[in-house]
Amino acid sequence: MGKIKSKQVKRASNELMQNGIEFHNKFEKNKKILGREMPSKKMRNKMAGYLARFTKQKEKEKKTLEVN
């Protein structure tokens, strides 16, 4: 399986981040944050995985900017 996520997952994740919800770089923590509010278990897991990967990328970018 690839790492391509649907527009729906990306759009919903970006909206949640803009609302001020802090997400972690761990899948399990993000899954608990999203909780039972998601329409389906599959969607919750996709969003939690996307958010984990996205936050890891942001942290990596911050570290590279600090070094330079």
C-alpha atoms as a PDB file:
ATOM      1  CA  MET A   1       0.000   0.000   0.000  1.00  0.00           C
ATOM      2  CA  GLY A   2       1.107   3.494  -0.756  1.00  0.00           C
ATOM      3  CA  LYS A   3       1.122   6.619   1.345  1.00  0.00           C
ATOM      4  CA  ILE A   4      -1.459   8.440  -0.761  1.00  0.00           C
ATOM      5  CA  LYS A   5      -4.378   9.746   1.297  1.00  0.00           C
ATOM      6  CA  SER A   6      -7.679  10.986  -0.034  1.00  0.00           C
ATOM      7  CA  LYS A   7      -8.560  14.660  -0.197  1.00  0.00           C
ATOM      8  CA  GLN A   8     -11.235  14.068   2.422  1.00  0.00           C
ATOM      9  CA  VAL A   9      -8.683  12.807   4.964  1.00  0.00           C
ATOM     10  CA  LYS A  10      -6.274  15.676   4.255  1.00  0.00           C
ATOM     11  CA  ARG A  11      -8.983  18.349   4.333  1.00  0.00           C
ATOM     12  CA  ALA A  12     -10.524  17.127   7.587  1.00  0.00           C
ATOM     13  CA  SER A  13      -7.105  16.783   9.231  1.00  0.00           C
ATOM     14  CA  ASN A  14      -6.089  20.299   8.227  1.00  0.00           C
ATOM     15  CA  GLU A  15      -9.352  21.706   9.592  1.00  0.00           C
ATOM     16  CA  LEU A  16      -8.779  19.992  12.939  1.00  0.00           C
ATOM     17  CA  MET A  17      -5.218  21.335  13.138  1.00  0.00           C
ATOM     18  CA  GLN A  18      -6.423  24.860  12.332  1.00  0.00           C
ATOM     19  CA  ASN A  19      -8.986  24.606  15.145  1.00  0.00           C
ATOM     20  CA  GLY A  20      -6.095  24.425  17.597  1.00  0.00           C
ATOM     21  CA  ILE A  21      -6.090  20.715  18.412  1.00  0.00           C
ATOM     22  CA  GLU A  22      -2.574  19.513  19.209  1.00  0.00           C
ATOM     23  CA  PHE A  23      -1.628  16.205  17.619  1.00  0.00           C
ATOM     24  CA  HIS A  24       1.371  13.986  18.327  1.00  0.00           C
ATOM     25  CA  ASN A  25       3.752  12.043  16.155  1.00  0.00           C
ATOM     26  CA  LYS A  26       2.384   8.785  17.594  1.00  0.00           C
ATOM     27  CA  PHE A  27      -0.507   6.998  15.890  1.00  0.00           C
ATOM     28  CA  GLU A  28      -2.032   5.671  19.135  1.00  0.00           C
ATOM     29  CA  LYS A  29      -2.169   9.105  20.785  1.00  0.00           C
ATOM     30  CA  ASN A  30      -3.797  10.658  17.735  1.00  0.00           C
ATOM     31  CA  LYS A  31      -6.305   7.833  17.620  1.00  0.00           C
ATOM     32  CA  LYS A  32      -7.315   8.558  21.221  1.00  0.00           C
ATOM     33  CA  ILE A  33      -7.579  12.295  20.517  1.00  0.00           C
ATOM     34  CA  LEU A  34      -9.914  11.661  17.594  1.00  0.00           C
ATOM     35  CA  GLY A  35     -11.868   9.201  19.724  1.00  0.00           C
ATOM     36  CA  ARG A  36     -15.390   8.188  18.903  1.00  0.00           C
ATOM     37  CA  GLU A  37     -16.287  11.472  17.212  1.00  0.00           C
ATOM     38  CA  MET A  38     -15.251  10.157  13.812  1.00  0.00           C
ATOM     39  CA  PRO A  39     -17.889   8.768  11.448  1.00  0.00           C
ATOM     40  CA  SER A  40     -16.087   5.445  11.083  1.00  0.00           C
ATOM     41  CA  LYS A  41     -13.233   3.502  12.577  1.00  0.00           C
ATOM     42  CA  LYS A  42     -11.488   3.262   9.220  1.00  0.00           C
ATOM     43  CA  MET A  43     -11.613   7.038   8.694  1.00  0.00           C
ATOM     44  CA  ARG A  44     -10.346   7.670  12.238  1.00  0.00           C
ATOM     45  CA  ASN A  45      -7.368   5.377  11.681  1.00  0.00           C
ATOM     46  CA  LYS A  46      -6.531   6.960   8.321  1.00  0.00           C
ATOM     47  CA  MET A  47      -6.628  10.442   9.828  1.00  0.00           C
ATOM     48  CA  ALA A  48      -4.585   9.411  12.866  1.00  0.00           C
ATOM     49  CA  GLY A  49      -1.909   7.906  10.625  1.00  0.00           C
ATOM     50  CA  TYR A  50      -1.852  10.927   8.337  1.00  0.00           C
ATOM     51  CA  LEU A  51      -1.579  13.315  11.283  1.00  0.00           C
ATOM     52  CA  ALA A  52       1.235  11.273  12.834  1.00  0.00           C
ATOM     53  CA  ARG A  53       3.231  11.319   9.611  1.00  0.00           C
ATOM     54  CA  PHE A  54       2.460  15.009   9.024  1.00  0.00           C
ATOM     55  CA  THR A  55       3.625  16.058  12.506  1.00  0.00           C
ATOM     56  CA  LYS A  56       6.822  14.018  12.100  1.00  0.00           C
ATOM     57  CA  GLN A  57       7.533  15.879   8.860  1.00  0.00           C
ATOM     58  CA  LYS A  58       6.933  19.259  10.515  1.00  0.00           C
ATOM     59  CA  GLU A  59       9.260  18.396  13.406  1.00  0.00           C
ATOM     60  CA  LYS A  60      11.945  17.293  10.962  1.00  0.00           C
ATOM     61  CA  GLU A  61      11.596  20.565   9.012  1.00  0.00           C
ATOM     62  CA  LYS A  62      11.934  22.595  12.218  1.00  0.00           C
ATOM     63  CA  LYS A  63      15.115  20.750  13.171  1.00  0.00           C
ATOM     64  CA  THR A  64      16.681  21.320   9.758  1.00  0.00           C
ATOM     65  CA  LEU A  65      15.814  25.021   9.895  1.00  0.00           C
ATOM     66  CA  GLU A  66      17.363  25.326  13.365  1.00  0.00           C
ATOM     67  CA  VAL A  67      20.573  23.695  12.181  1.00  0.00           C
ATOM     68  CA  ASN A  68      20.889  25.990   9.171  1.00  0.00           C
END
